[in-house]
PDB file of N, CA and C in Angstrom:
ATOM      1  N   MET A   1    -158.540  50.024 225.435  1.00  0.00           N
ATOM      2  CA  MET A   1    -157.466  50.614 223.578  1.00  0.00           C
ATOM      3  C   MET A   1    -156.401  50.078 223.241  1.00  0.00           C
ATOM      4  N   ALA A   2    -156.354  49.395 222.356  1.00  0.00           N
ATOM      5  CA  ALA A   2    -155.546  48.527 221.975  1.00  0.00           C
ATOM      6  C   ALA A   2    -153.908  49.085 222.311  1.00  0.00           C
ATOM      7  N   ALA A   3    -152.629  48.300 222.389  1.00  0.00           N
ATOM      8  CA  ALA A   3    -151.516  49.564 221.957  1.00  0.00           C
ATOM      9  C   ALA A   3    -151.048  49.069 220.896  1.00  0.00           C
ATOM     10  N   GLN A   4    -150.401  50.604 220.661  1.00  0.00           N
ATOM     11  CA  GLN A   4    -150.142  51.164 218.949  1.00  0.00           C
ATOM     12  C   GLN A   4    -148.684  50.341 219.585  1.00  0.00           C
ATOM     13  N   PRO A   5    -148.248  49.565 217.860  1.00  0.00           N
ATOM     14  CA  PRO A   5    -147.111  49.006 217.884  1.00  0.00           C
ATOM     15  C   PRO A   5    -146.294  49.272 218.031  1.00  0.00           C
ATOM     16  N   GLY A   6    -144.911  49.493 218.546  1.00  0.00           N
ATOM     17  CA  GLY A   6    -143.720  49.706 218.644  1.00  0.00           C
ATOM     18  C   GLY A   6    -143.946  51.661 220.069  1.00  0.00           C
ATOM     19  N   ARG A   7    -144.569  51.002 220.403  1.00  0.00           N
ATOM     20  CA  ARG A   7    -145.065  52.697 221.214  1.00  0.00           C
ATOM     21  C   ARG A   7    -145.025  52.683 222.509  1.00  0.00           C
ATOM     22  N   GLY A   8    -144.698  51.390 222.794  1.00  0.00           N
ATOM     23  CA  GLY A   8    -144.708  51.014 224.564  1.00  0.00           C
ATOM     24  C   GLY A   8    -143.165  51.157 224.486  1.00  0.00           C
ATOM     25  N   THR A   9    -142.568  50.682 223.675  1.00  0.00           N
ATOM     26  CA  THR A   9    -140.913  50.622 223.607  1.00  0.00           C
ATOM     27  C   THR A   9    -140.404  52.432 223.948  1.00  0.00           C
ATOM     28  N   MET A  10    -141.008  53.111 223.044  1.00  0.00           N
ATOM     29  CA  MET A  10    -140.485  54.609 222.625  1.00  0.00           C
ATOM     30  C   MET A  10    -141.247  55.594 224.738  1.00  0.00           C
ATOM     31  N   ASP A  11    -142.412  54.778 224.515  1.00  0.00           N
ATOM     32  CA  ASP A  11    -142.402  55.663 225.775  1.00  0.00           C
ATOM     33  C   ASP A  11    -141.743  55.143 227.475  1.00  0.00           C
ATOM     34  N   ALA A  12    -141.900  53.689 226.810  1.00  0.00           N
ATOM     35  CA  ALA A  12    -141.559  53.144 228.607  1.00  0.00           C
ATOM     36  C   ALA A  12    -139.854  53.394 228.508  1.00  0.00           C
ATOM     37  N   MET A  13    -139.209  54.179 226.992  1.00  0.00           N
ATOM     38  CA  MET A  13    -137.466  55.327 226.746  1.00  0.00           C
ATOM     39  C   MET A  13    -137.395  55.926 227.794  1.00  0.00           C
ATOM     40  N   ALA A  14    -138.538  57.108 226.728  1.00  0.00           N
ATOM     41  CA  ALA A  14    -138.413  58.088 227.195  1.00  0.00           C
ATOM     42  C   ALA A  14    -138.992  58.434 229.191  1.00  0.00           C
ATOM     43  N   ARG A  15    -139.880  57.655 229.811  1.00  0.00           N
ATOM     44  CA  ARG A  15    -140.143  57.528 231.302  1.00  0.00           C
ATOM     45  C   ARG A  15    -138.245  57.081 232.022  1.00  0.00           C
ATOM     46  N   THR A  16    -137.768  56.554 231.687  1.00  0.00           N
ATOM     47  CA  THR A  16    -136.923  55.887 232.026  1.00  0.00           C
ATOM     48  C   THR A  16    -135.477  56.861 231.875  1.00  0.00           C
ATOM     49  N   ASP A  17    -135.106  57.421 230.882  1.00  0.00           N
ATOM     50  CA  ASP A  17    -134.361  58.145 230.188  1.00  0.00           C
ATOM     51  C   ASP A  17    -134.711  59.815 229.585  1.00  0.00           C
ATOM     52  N   PRO A  18    -135.126  60.479 231.272  1.00  0.00           N
ATOM     53  CA  PRO A  18    -135.508  61.935 229.868  1.00  0.00           C
ATOM     54  C   PRO A  18    -134.321  62.624 229.744  1.00  0.00           C
ATOM     55  N   ASP A  19    -133.270  61.852 230.228  1.00  0.00           N
ATOM     56  CA  ASP A  19    -132.125  62.968 229.590  1.00  0.00           C
ATOM     57  C   ASP A  19    -131.329  62.138 228.370  1.00  0.00           C
ATOM     58  N   SER A  20    -132.075  60.741 227.733  1.00  0.00           N
ATOM     59  CA  SER A  20    -131.734  60.580 226.391  1.00  0.00           C
ATOM     60  C   SER A  20    -131.952  61.387 225.181  1.00  0.00           C
ATOM     61  N   PRO A  21    -130.733  60.810 224.222  1.00  0.00           N
ATOM     62  CA  PRO A  21    -130.864  62.174 222.998  1.00  0.00           C
ATOM     63  C   PRO A  21    -132.902  62.002 222.083  1.00  0.00           C
ATOM     64  N   LEU A  22    -133.279  60.657 222.175  1.00  0.00           N
ATOM     65  CA  LEU A  22    -134.410  60.653 221.652  1.00  0.00           C
ATOM     66  C   LEU A  22    -135.717  62.190 222.996  1.00  0.00           C
ATOM     67  N   ALA A  23    -135.148  61.726 223.615  1.00  0.00           N
ATOM     68  CA  ALA A  23    -136.429  62.441 224.591  1.00  0.00           C
ATOM     69  C   ALA A  23    -136.588  63.644 224.582  1.00  0.00           C
ATOM     70  N   ALA A  24    -134.499  64.279 224.133  1.00  0.00           N
ATOM     71  CA  ALA A  24    -134.789  65.761 224.028  1.00  0.00           C
ATOM     72  C   ALA A  24    -135.061  65.969 222.713  1.00  0.00           C
ATOM     73  N   ALA A  25    -134.809  65.535 221.478  1.00  0.00           N
ATOM     74  CA  ALA A  25    -135.172  66.131 220.540  1.00  0.00           C
ATOM     75  C   ALA A  25    -136.279  65.801 220.649  1.00  0.00           C
ATOM     76  N   VAL A  26    -137.797  65.128 220.503  1.00  0.00           N
ATOM     77  CA  VAL A  26    -139.179  65.303 221.484  1.00  0.00           C
ATOM     78  C   VAL A  26    -139.063  66.809 222.004  1.00  0.00           C
ATOM     79  N   ALA A  27    -138.585  66.782 223.082  1.00  0.00           N
ATOM     80  CA  ALA A  27    -138.808  68.067 223.707  1.00  0.00           C
ATOM     81  C   ALA A  27    -138.802  69.299 222.884  1.00  0.00           C
ATOM     82  N   ARG A  28    -138.196  69.559 221.767  1.00  0.00           N
ATOM     83  CA  ARG A  28    -137.866  70.718 221.018  1.00  0.00           C
ATOM     84  C   ARG A  28    -138.342  71.187 219.788  1.00  0.00           C
ATOM     85  N   VAL A  29    -139.001  69.659 219.431  1.00  0.00           N
ATOM     86  CA  VAL A  29    -139.891  69.749 218.329  1.00  0.00           C
ATOM     87  C   VAL A  29    -140.838  68.305 217.767  1.00  0.00           C
ATOM     88  N   GLY A  30    -141.117  68.046 219.185  1.00  0.00           N
ATOM     89  CA  GLY A  30    -142.256  66.958 218.867  1.00  0.00           C
ATOM     90  C   GLY A  30    -143.364  67.148 218.878  1.00  0.00           C
ATOM     91  N   ASP A  31    -143.906  68.287 218.915  1.00  0.00           N
ATOM     92  CA  ASP A  31    -145.358  68.610 219.385  1.00  0.00           C
ATOM     93  C   ASP A  31    -146.157  68.671 217.039  1.00  0.00           C
ATOM     94  N   ARG A  32    -147.066  68.870 217.664  1.00  0.00           N
ATOM     95  CA  ARG A  32    -147.541  68.451 215.758  1.00  0.00           C
ATOM     96  C   ARG A  32    -147.594  69.974 214.809  1.00  0.00           C
ATOM     97  N   TRP A  33    -146.753  70.785 215.322  1.00  0.00           N
ATOM     98  CA  TRP A  33    -146.838  71.745 214.131  1.00  0.00           C
ATOM     99  C   TRP A  33    -145.278  72.355 213.837  1.00  0.00           C
ATOM    100  N   SER A  34    -143.757  72.002 215.074  1.00  0.00           N
ATOM    101  CA  SER A  34    -143.190  72.342 214.724  1.00  0.00           C
ATOM    102  C   SER A  34    -141.957  71.682 213.911  1.00  0.00           C
ATOM    103  N   LEU A  35    -142.542  70.484 213.503  1.00  0.00           N
ATOM    104  CA  LEU A  35    -141.570  69.451 212.092  1.00  0.00           C
ATOM    105  C   LEU A  35    -142.133  70.457 210.809  1.00  0.00           C
ATOM    106  N   LEU A  36    -143.245  71.141 210.533  1.00  0.00           N
ATOM    107  CA  LEU A  36    -144.066  71.540 209.515  1.00  0.00           C
ATOM    108  C   LEU A  36    -143.969  72.681 209.105  1.00  0.00           C
ATOM    109  N   LEU A  37    -143.436  73.662 210.228  1.00  0.00           N
ATOM    110  CA  LEU A  37    -142.653  74.784 210.666  1.00  0.00           C
ATOM    111  C   LEU A  37    -141.493  74.968 210.125  1.00  0.00           C
ATOM    112  N   VAL A  38    -140.983  73.758 210.400  1.00  0.00           N
ATOM    113  CA  VAL A  38    -139.418  73.699 209.851  1.00  0.00           C
ATOM    114  C   VAL A  38    -139.322  73.496 208.813  1.00  0.00           C
ATOM    115  N   GLU A  39    -140.321  71.733 208.340  1.00  0.00           N
ATOM    116  CA  GLU A  39    -139.894  72.054 206.467  1.00  0.00           C
ATOM    117  C   GLU A  39    -140.840  73.163 205.990  1.00  0.00           C
ATOM    118  N   ALA A  40    -141.290  74.268 206.515  1.00  0.00           N
ATOM    119  CA  ALA A  40    -142.221  75.628 205.666  1.00  0.00           C
ATOM    120  C   ALA A  40    -141.205  76.488 205.673  1.00  0.00           C
ATOM    121  N   LEU A  41    -140.407  76.560 206.398  1.00  0.00           N
ATOM    122  CA  LEU A  41    -138.722  77.090 205.989  1.00  0.00           C
ATOM    123  C   LEU A  41    -137.628  76.519 205.552  1.00  0.00           C
ATOM    124  N   LEU A  42    -137.461  75.265 205.163  1.00  0.00           N
ATOM    125  CA  LEU A  42    -136.548  74.946 204.311  1.00  0.00           C
ATOM    126  C   LEU A  42    -135.760  75.914 203.070  1.00  0.00           C
ATOM    127  N   PRO A  43    -137.221  76.306 202.474  1.00  0.00           N
ATOM    128  CA  PRO A  43    -136.581  77.246 201.018  1.00  0.00           C
ATOM    129  C   PRO A  43    -135.843  78.172 201.420  1.00  0.00           C
ATOM    130  N   GLY A  44    -135.986  78.761 202.563  1.00  0.00           N
ATOM    131  CA  GLY A  44    -135.559  79.883 203.282  1.00  0.00           C
ATOM    132  C   GLY A  44    -136.521  80.625 203.816  1.00  0.00           C
ATOM    133  N   PRO A  45    -136.135  81.934 204.416  1.00  0.00           N
ATOM    134  CA  PRO A  45    -136.930  82.781 204.835  1.00  0.00           C
ATOM    135  C   PRO A  45    -138.016  83.036 204.370  1.00  0.00           C
ATOM    136  N   ARG A  46    -139.092  83.638 205.405  1.00  0.00           N
ATOM    137  CA  ARG A  46    -140.326  84.272 205.236  1.00  0.00           C
ATOM    138  C   ARG A  46    -141.160  84.756 205.780  1.00  0.00           C
ATOM    139  N   ARG A  47    -142.231  85.138 205.996  1.00  0.00           N
ATOM    140  CA  ARG A  47    -143.383  85.776 206.305  1.00  0.00           C
ATOM    141  C   ARG A  47    -144.015  85.249 207.478  1.00  0.00           C
ATOM    142  N   PHE A  48    -144.603  86.202 208.417  1.00  0.00           N
ATOM    143  CA  PHE A  48    -145.482  85.169 209.118  1.00  0.00           C
ATOM    144  C   PHE A  48    -146.341  84.832 208.773  1.00  0.00           C
ATOM    145  N   ASN A  49    -147.032  85.423 207.607  1.00  0.00           N
ATOM    146  CA  ASN A  49    -148.188  85.619 206.354  1.00  0.00           C
ATOM    147  C   ASN A  49    -148.072  84.467 205.954  1.00  0.00           C
ATOM    148  N   GLU A  50    -146.600  83.775 205.226  1.00  0.00           N
ATOM    149  CA  GLU A  50    -146.039  83.208 204.216  1.00  0.00           C
ATOM    150  C   GLU A  50    -146.760  81.661 204.909  1.00  0.00           C
ATOM    151  N   ILE A  51    -146.074  82.142 205.776  1.00  0.00           N
ATOM    152  CA  ILE A  51    -145.661  80.412 207.131  1.00  0.00           C
ATOM    153  C   ILE A  51    -147.136  79.757 207.441  1.00  0.00           C
ATOM    154  N   LEU A  52    -147.749  81.133 207.234  1.00  0.00           N
ATOM    155  CA  LEU A  52    -149.198  80.852 208.385  1.00  0.00           C
ATOM    156  C   LEU A  52    -150.492  80.209 206.997  1.00  0.00           C
ATOM    157  N   ASP A  53    -149.973  80.629 206.292  1.00  0.00           N
ATOM    158  CA  ASP A  53    -150.493  80.260 204.111  1.00  0.00           C
ATOM    159  C   ASP A  53    -149.996  78.848 203.563  1.00  0.00           C
ATOM    160  N   SER A  54    -148.950  78.372 203.772  1.00  0.00           N
ATOM    161  CA  SER A  54    -147.964  77.024 204.051  1.00  0.00           C
ATOM    162  C   SER A  54    -148.190  76.358 204.379  1.00  0.00           C
ATOM    163  N   VAL A  55    -148.608  76.680 206.416  1.00  0.00           N
ATOM    164  CA  VAL A  55    -148.881  75.532 207.148  1.00  0.00           C
ATOM    165  C   VAL A  55    -150.904  75.133 206.772  1.00  0.00           C
ATOM    166  N   GLU A  56    -150.995  74.516 206.384  1.00  0.00           N
ATOM    167  CA  GLU A  56    -152.458  74.584 206.527  1.00  0.00           C
ATOM    168  C   GLU A  56    -152.798  73.594 208.005  1.00  0.00           C
ATOM    169  N   GLY A  57    -153.937  74.558 207.770  1.00  0.00           N
ATOM    170  CA  GLY A  57    -154.393  74.547 209.396  1.00  0.00           C
ATOM    171  C   GLY A  57    -154.080  74.410 210.422  1.00  0.00           C
ATOM    172  N   ILE A  58    -153.071  75.522 210.642  1.00  0.00           N
ATOM    173  CA  ILE A  58    -152.591  75.603 211.856  1.00  0.00           C
ATOM    174  C   ILE A  58    -153.178  77.301 211.996  1.00  0.00           C
ATOM    175  N   ALA A  59    -153.269  77.858 213.133  1.00  0.00           N
ATOM    176  CA  ALA A  59    -154.066  79.242 214.015  1.00  0.00           C
ATOM    177  C   ALA A  59    -152.630  80.239 214.297  1.00  0.00           C
ATOM    178  N   PRO A  60    -153.256  81.420 214.189  1.00  0.00           N
ATOM    179  CA  PRO A  60    -151.840  82.397 213.701  1.00  0.00           C
ATOM    180  C   PRO A  60    -151.368  82.253 215.277  1.00  0.00           C
ATOM    181  N   ASN A  61    -152.951  82.076 216.388  1.00  0.00           N
ATOM    182  CA  ASN A  61    -151.421  82.072 217.529  1.00  0.00           C
ATOM    183  C   ASN A  61    -150.992  80.915 218.203  1.00  0.00           C
ATOM    184  N   ILE A  62    -150.812  79.769 217.484  1.00  0.00           N
ATOM    185  CA  ILE A  62    -149.755  78.854 218.041  1.00  0.00           C
ATOM    186  C   ILE A  62    -148.920  78.986 216.709  1.00  0.00           C
ATOM    187  N   LEU A  63    -149.434  79.296 215.782  1.00  0.00           N
ATOM    188  CA  LEU A  63    -148.240  79.665 214.795  1.00  0.00           C
ATOM    189  C   LEU A  63    -146.656  80.058 215.340  1.00  0.00           C
ATOM    190  N   SER A  64    -147.836  81.804 216.150  1.00  0.00           N
ATOM    191  CA  SER A  64    -146.912  82.677 217.072  1.00  0.00           C
ATOM    192  C   SER A  64    -145.605  81.552 218.377  1.00  0.00           C
ATOM    193  N   GLN A  65    -147.343  81.019 219.227  1.00  0.00           N
ATOM    194  CA  GLN A  65    -146.075  80.191 220.241  1.00  0.00           C
ATOM    195  C   GLN A  65    -145.307  79.335 219.527  1.00  0.00           C
ATOM    196  N   ARG A  66    -145.122  78.706 218.256  1.00  0.00           N
ATOM    197  CA  ARG A  66    -144.999  78.124 218.233  1.00  0.00           C
ATOM    198  C   ARG A  66    -143.164  78.078 217.296  1.00  0.00           C
ATOM    199  N   LEU A  67    -143.520  78.866 216.961  1.00  0.00           N
ATOM    200  CA  LEU A  67    -142.421  80.114 216.284  1.00  0.00           C
ATOM    201  C   LEU A  67    -141.401  80.663 217.787  1.00  0.00           C
ATOM    202  N   LYS A  68    -141.819  80.765 218.662  1.00  0.00           N
ATOM    203  CA  LYS A  68    -140.705  81.632 220.243  1.00  0.00           C
ATOM    204  C   LYS A  68    -140.493  80.637 220.335  1.00  0.00           C
ATOM    205  N   HIS A  69    -141.250  79.040 220.010  1.00  0.00           N
ATOM    206  CA  HIS A  69    -140.451  77.828 221.489  1.00  0.00           C
ATOM    207  C   HIS A  69    -138.745  78.079 220.285  1.00  0.00           C
ATOM    208  N   LEU A  70    -139.353  77.575 219.216  1.00  0.00           N
ATOM    209  CA  LEU A  70    -138.258  77.118 218.128  1.00  0.00           C
ATOM    210  C   LEU A  70    -137.080  78.125 217.939  1.00  0.00           C
ATOM    211  N   GLU A  71    -137.671  79.252 218.292  1.00  0.00           N
ATOM    212  CA  GLU A  71    -136.432  80.303 218.190  1.00  0.00           C
ATOM    213  C   GLU A  71    -136.237  80.367 219.726  1.00  0.00           C
ATOM    214  N   GLN A  72    -136.027  80.108 220.549  1.00  0.00           N
ATOM    215  CA  GLN A  72    -135.841  79.706 222.148  1.00  0.00           C
ATOM    216  C   GLN A  72    -134.820  78.312 222.354  1.00  0.00           C
ATOM    217  N   GLU A  73    -135.476  77.332 220.699  1.00  0.00           N
ATOM    218  CA  GLU A  73    -134.598  76.034 220.784  1.00  0.00           C
ATOM    219  C   GLU A  73    -133.047  76.171 220.098  1.00  0.00           C
ATOM    220  N   ALA A  74    -133.048  77.726 219.170  1.00  0.00           N
ATOM    221  CA  ALA A  74    -131.981  77.572 218.563  1.00  0.00           C
ATOM    222  C   ALA A  74    -132.665  77.012 216.630  1.00  0.00           C
ATOM    223  N   ILE A  75    -133.521  76.646 216.201  1.00  0.00           N
ATOM    224  CA  ILE A  75    -134.234  76.189 215.434  1.00  0.00           C
ATOM    225  C   ILE A  75    -134.087  77.531 214.763  1.00  0.00           C
ATOM    226  N   VAL A  76    -134.676  78.150 214.745  1.00  0.00           N
ATOM    227  CA  VAL A  76    -135.065  79.127 214.011  1.00  0.00           C
ATOM    228  C   VAL A  76    -134.743  80.584 213.992  1.00  0.00           C
ATOM    229  N   ILE A  77    -134.193  81.169 213.259  1.00  0.00           N
ATOM    230  CA  ILE A  77    -134.409  82.636 213.611  1.00  0.00           C
ATOM    231  C   ILE A  77    -134.923  83.929 213.420  1.00  0.00           C
ATOM    232  N   SER A  78    -135.411  84.625 213.771  1.00  0.00           N
ATOM    233  CA  SER A  78    -136.515  85.402 213.620  1.00  0.00           C
ATOM    234  C   SER A  78    -135.178  87.099 213.019  1.00  0.00           C
ATOM    235  N   ARG A  79    -134.818  88.013 212.381  1.00  0.00           N
ATOM    236  CA  ARG A  79    -135.242  89.155 211.704  1.00  0.00           C
ATOM    237  C   ARG A  79    -135.977  89.986 211.721  1.00  0.00           C
ATOM    238  N   ALA A  80    -135.370  91.779 212.488  1.00  0.00           N
ATOM    239  CA  ALA A  80    -137.114  92.450 211.801  1.00  0.00           C
ATOM    240  C   ALA A  80    -136.698  93.095 211.029  1.00  0.00           C
ATOM    241  N   TYR A  81    -138.018  93.482 210.095  1.00  0.00           N
ATOM    242  CA  TYR A  81    -138.346  93.996 209.198  1.00  0.00           C
ATOM    243  C   TYR A  81    -138.644  95.465 208.986  1.00  0.00           C
ATOM    244  N   SER A  82    -139.874  95.469 209.842  1.00  0.00           N
ATOM    245  CA  SER A  82    -140.478  97.104 210.666  1.00  0.00           C
ATOM    246  C   SER A  82    -140.374  97.306 211.854  1.00  0.00           C
ATOM    247  N   LYS A  83    -140.081  98.232 212.347  1.00  0.00           N
ATOM    248  CA  LYS A  83    -140.301  98.490 213.896  1.00  0.00           C
ATOM    249  C   LYS A  83    -141.543  98.848 213.806  1.00  0.00           C
ATOM    250  N   ARG A  84    -142.606  99.550 213.162  1.00  0.00           N
ATOM    251  CA  ARG A  84    -143.795  99.635 212.972  1.00  0.00           C
ATOM    252  C   ARG A  84    -144.660  99.735 212.668  1.00  0.00           C
ATOM    253  N   PRO A  85    -145.445  98.923 212.278  1.00  0.00           N
ATOM    254  CA  PRO A  85    -145.327  97.738 213.770  1.00  0.00           C
ATOM    255  C   PRO A  85    -144.512  96.364 213.787  1.00  0.00           C
ATOM    256  N   PRO A  86    -144.000  95.740 214.446  1.00  0.00           N
ATOM    257  CA  PRO A  86    -143.063  95.432 214.457  1.00  0.00           C
ATOM    258  C   PRO A  86    -142.885  94.042 214.119  1.00  0.00           C
ATOM    259  N   ARG A  87    -142.673  93.584 212.837  1.00  0.00           N
ATOM    260  CA  ARG A  87    -143.001  92.346 211.895  1.00  0.00           C
ATOM    261  C   ARG A  87    -141.200  91.838 211.453  1.00  0.00           C
ATOM    262  N   PHE A  88    -140.862  90.471 211.477  1.00  0.00           N
ATOM    263  CA  PHE A  88    -140.260  90.046 211.315  1.00  0.00           C
ATOM    264  C   PHE A  88    -140.437  88.732 209.508  1.00  0.00           C
ATOM    265  N   THR A  89    -138.567  88.368 209.562  1.00  0.00           N
ATOM    266  CA  THR A  89    -139.070  87.115 208.592  1.00  0.00           C
ATOM    267  C   THR A  89    -138.156  86.162 209.547  1.00  0.00           C
ATOM    268  N   TYR A  90    -138.702  85.237 209.417  1.00  0.00           N
ATOM    269  CA  TYR A  90    -137.949  83.741 210.541  1.00  0.00           C
ATOM    270  C   TYR A  90    -137.653  82.998 209.619  1.00  0.00           C
ATOM    271  N   GLU A  91    -135.881  81.970 209.765  1.00  0.00           N
ATOM    272  CA  GLU A  91    -134.917  81.117 208.903  1.00  0.00           C
ATOM    273  C   GLU A  91    -134.952  80.705 209.626  1.00  0.00           C
ATOM    274  N   LEU A  92    -134.651  79.328 209.332  1.00  0.00           N
ATOM    275  CA  LEU A  92    -133.943  78.198 209.962  1.00  0.00           C
ATOM    276  C   LEU A  92    -132.409  78.528 210.183  1.00  0.00           C
ATOM    277  N   SER A  93    -131.798  78.355 211.462  1.00  0.00           N
ATOM    278  CA  SER A  93    -130.541  78.347 211.432  1.00  0.00           C
ATOM    279  C   SER A  93    -130.161  76.901 211.234  1.00  0.00           C
ATOM    280  N   ALA A  94    -128.774  76.935 211.618  1.00  0.00           N
ATOM    281  CA  ALA A  94    -128.162  75.474 210.813  1.00  0.00           C
ATOM    282  C   ALA A  94    -128.382  74.619 211.916  1.00  0.00           C
ATOM    283  N   ARG A  95    -128.764  74.990 212.501  1.00  0.00           N
ATOM    284  CA  ARG A  95    -129.794  73.387 213.750  1.00  0.00           C
ATOM    285  C   ARG A  95    -130.397  72.900 213.575  1.00  0.00           C
ATOM    286  N   GLY A  96    -131.313  74.758 212.578  1.00  0.00           N
ATOM    287  CA  GLY A  96    -132.612  73.911 212.159  1.00  0.00           C
ATOM    288  C   GLY A  96    -132.410  72.853 210.614  1.00  0.00           C
ATOM    289  N   ARG A  97    -131.418  73.564 209.550  1.00  0.00           N
ATOM    290  CA  ARG A  97    -131.433  73.199 208.396  1.00  0.00           C
ATOM    291  C   ARG A  97    -130.815  71.824 208.883  1.00  0.00           C
ATOM    292  N   GLY A  98    -130.527  71.238 209.750  1.00  0.00           N
ATOM    293  CA  GLY A  98    -129.975  69.992 210.169  1.00  0.00           C
ATOM    294  C   GLY A  98    -130.994  68.945 210.259  1.00  0.00           C
ATOM    295  N   LEU A  99    -131.855  69.774 210.390  1.00  0.00           N
ATOM    296  CA  LEU A  99    -133.255  68.569 210.897  1.00  0.00           C
ATOM    297  C   LEU A  99    -133.999  67.666 209.117  1.00  0.00           C
ATOM    298  N   ALA A 100    -133.527  69.088 208.182  1.00  0.00           N
ATOM    299  CA  ALA A 100    -133.832  67.921 206.771  1.00  0.00           C
ATOM    300  C   ALA A 100    -133.256  66.887 205.872  1.00  0.00           C
ATOM    301  N   GLY A 101    -132.829  66.582 207.047  1.00  0.00           N
ATOM    302  CA  GLY A 101    -132.295  64.534 205.966  1.00  0.00           C
ATOM    303  C   GLY A 101    -133.409  63.821 207.720  1.00  0.00           C
ATOM    304  N   ALA A 102    -133.412  64.393 208.362  1.00  0.00           N
ATOM    305  CA  ALA A 102    -134.814  63.806 209.137  1.00  0.00           C
ATOM    306  C   ALA A 102    -136.210  64.195 208.526  1.00  0.00           C
ATOM    307  N   LEU A 103    -136.724  65.035 208.580  1.00  0.00           N
ATOM    308  CA  LEU A 103    -137.269  65.365 208.098  1.00  0.00           C
ATOM    309  C   LEU A 103    -137.771  64.617 206.123  1.00  0.00           C
ATOM    310  N   ARG A 104    -136.855  64.008 205.904  1.00  0.00           N
ATOM    311  CA  ARG A 104    -136.903  63.648 203.977  1.00  0.00           C
ATOM    312  C   ARG A 104    -136.599  61.783 205.286  1.00  0.00           C
ATOM    313  N   LEU A 105    -136.774  61.619 205.905  1.00  0.00           N
ATOM    314  CA  LEU A 105    -136.712  60.163 206.645  1.00  0.00           C
ATOM    315  C   LEU A 105    -138.050  59.561 206.929  1.00  0.00           C
ATOM    316  N   LEU A 106    -138.600  60.697 208.051  1.00  0.00           N
ATOM    317  CA  LEU A 106    -139.961  60.883 208.145  1.00  0.00           C
ATOM    318  C   LEU A 106    -140.924  60.829 206.878  1.00  0.00           C
ATOM    319  N   ALA A 107    -140.611  61.483 206.269  1.00  0.00           N
ATOM    320  CA  ALA A 107    -141.661  61.526 204.821  1.00  0.00           C
ATOM    321  C   ALA A 107    -141.969  59.982 204.210  1.00  0.00           C
ATOM    322  N   HIS A 108    -140.475  59.799 203.683  1.00  0.00           N
ATOM    323  CA  HIS A 108    -140.426  58.409 203.294  1.00  0.00           C
ATOM    324  C   HIS A 108    -140.945  57.231 204.295  1.00  0.00           C
ATOM    325  N   TRP A 109    -140.820  57.698 205.231  1.00  0.00           N
ATOM    326  CA  TRP A 109    -141.322  56.254 206.266  1.00  0.00           C
ATOM    327  C   TRP A 109    -142.808  56.284 206.156  1.00  0.00           C
ATOM    328  N   ALA A 110    -143.125  57.650 206.392  1.00  0.00           N
ATOM    329  CA  ALA A 110    -145.030  57.952 206.287  1.00  0.00           C
ATOM    330  C   ALA A 110    -146.098  57.284 204.469  1.00  0.00           C
ATOM    331  N   ALA A 111    -144.855  57.684 203.850  1.00  0.00           N
ATOM    332  CA  ALA A 111    -145.352  57.243 202.927  1.00  0.00           C
ATOM    333  C   ALA A 111    -144.940  55.825 201.899  1.00  0.00           C
ATOM    334  N   GLY A 112    -144.564  54.827 203.258  1.00  0.00           N
ATOM    335  CA  GLY A 112    -144.053  53.196 203.079  1.00  0.00           C
ATOM    336  C   GLY A 112    -142.761  53.295 202.395  1.00  0.00           C
ATOM    337  N   ARG A 113    -141.460  54.094 202.148  1.00  0.00           N
ATOM    338  CA  ARG A 113    -141.143  53.879 201.306  1.00  0.00           C
ATOM    339  C   ARG A 113    -139.909  52.948 202.003  1.00  0.00           C
ATOM    340  N   VAL A 114    -139.506  53.047 203.205  1.00  0.00           N
ATOM    341  CA  VAL A 114    -138.422  52.700 205.104  1.00  0.00           C
ATOM    342  C   VAL A 114    -139.842  51.448 205.029  1.00  0.00           C
TER     343      VAL A 114
END
């Protein structure tokens, strides 16, 4: 298997300095879905099914797990709007909204504009 350009450096950095800011960021939002969920919440609060509809391919159980993780990381805030059954809206915290610039940069990079 051929090495991917640039990947070795990032892998080595994460192994040698697990307390680096980049390693901390990857631990918080580096999985397959987290940044897509942040993007889906940028316009404002959404209900679970609205998020499910807007993030193509995510399964409900994965969405639930990721929302809980992002809430634990203080990136997402949930607010109850129904007690029976329990239902919530989800929105970005100030920390979560702070990811908007990074998302724009990543999108430009992926589109070949950087």
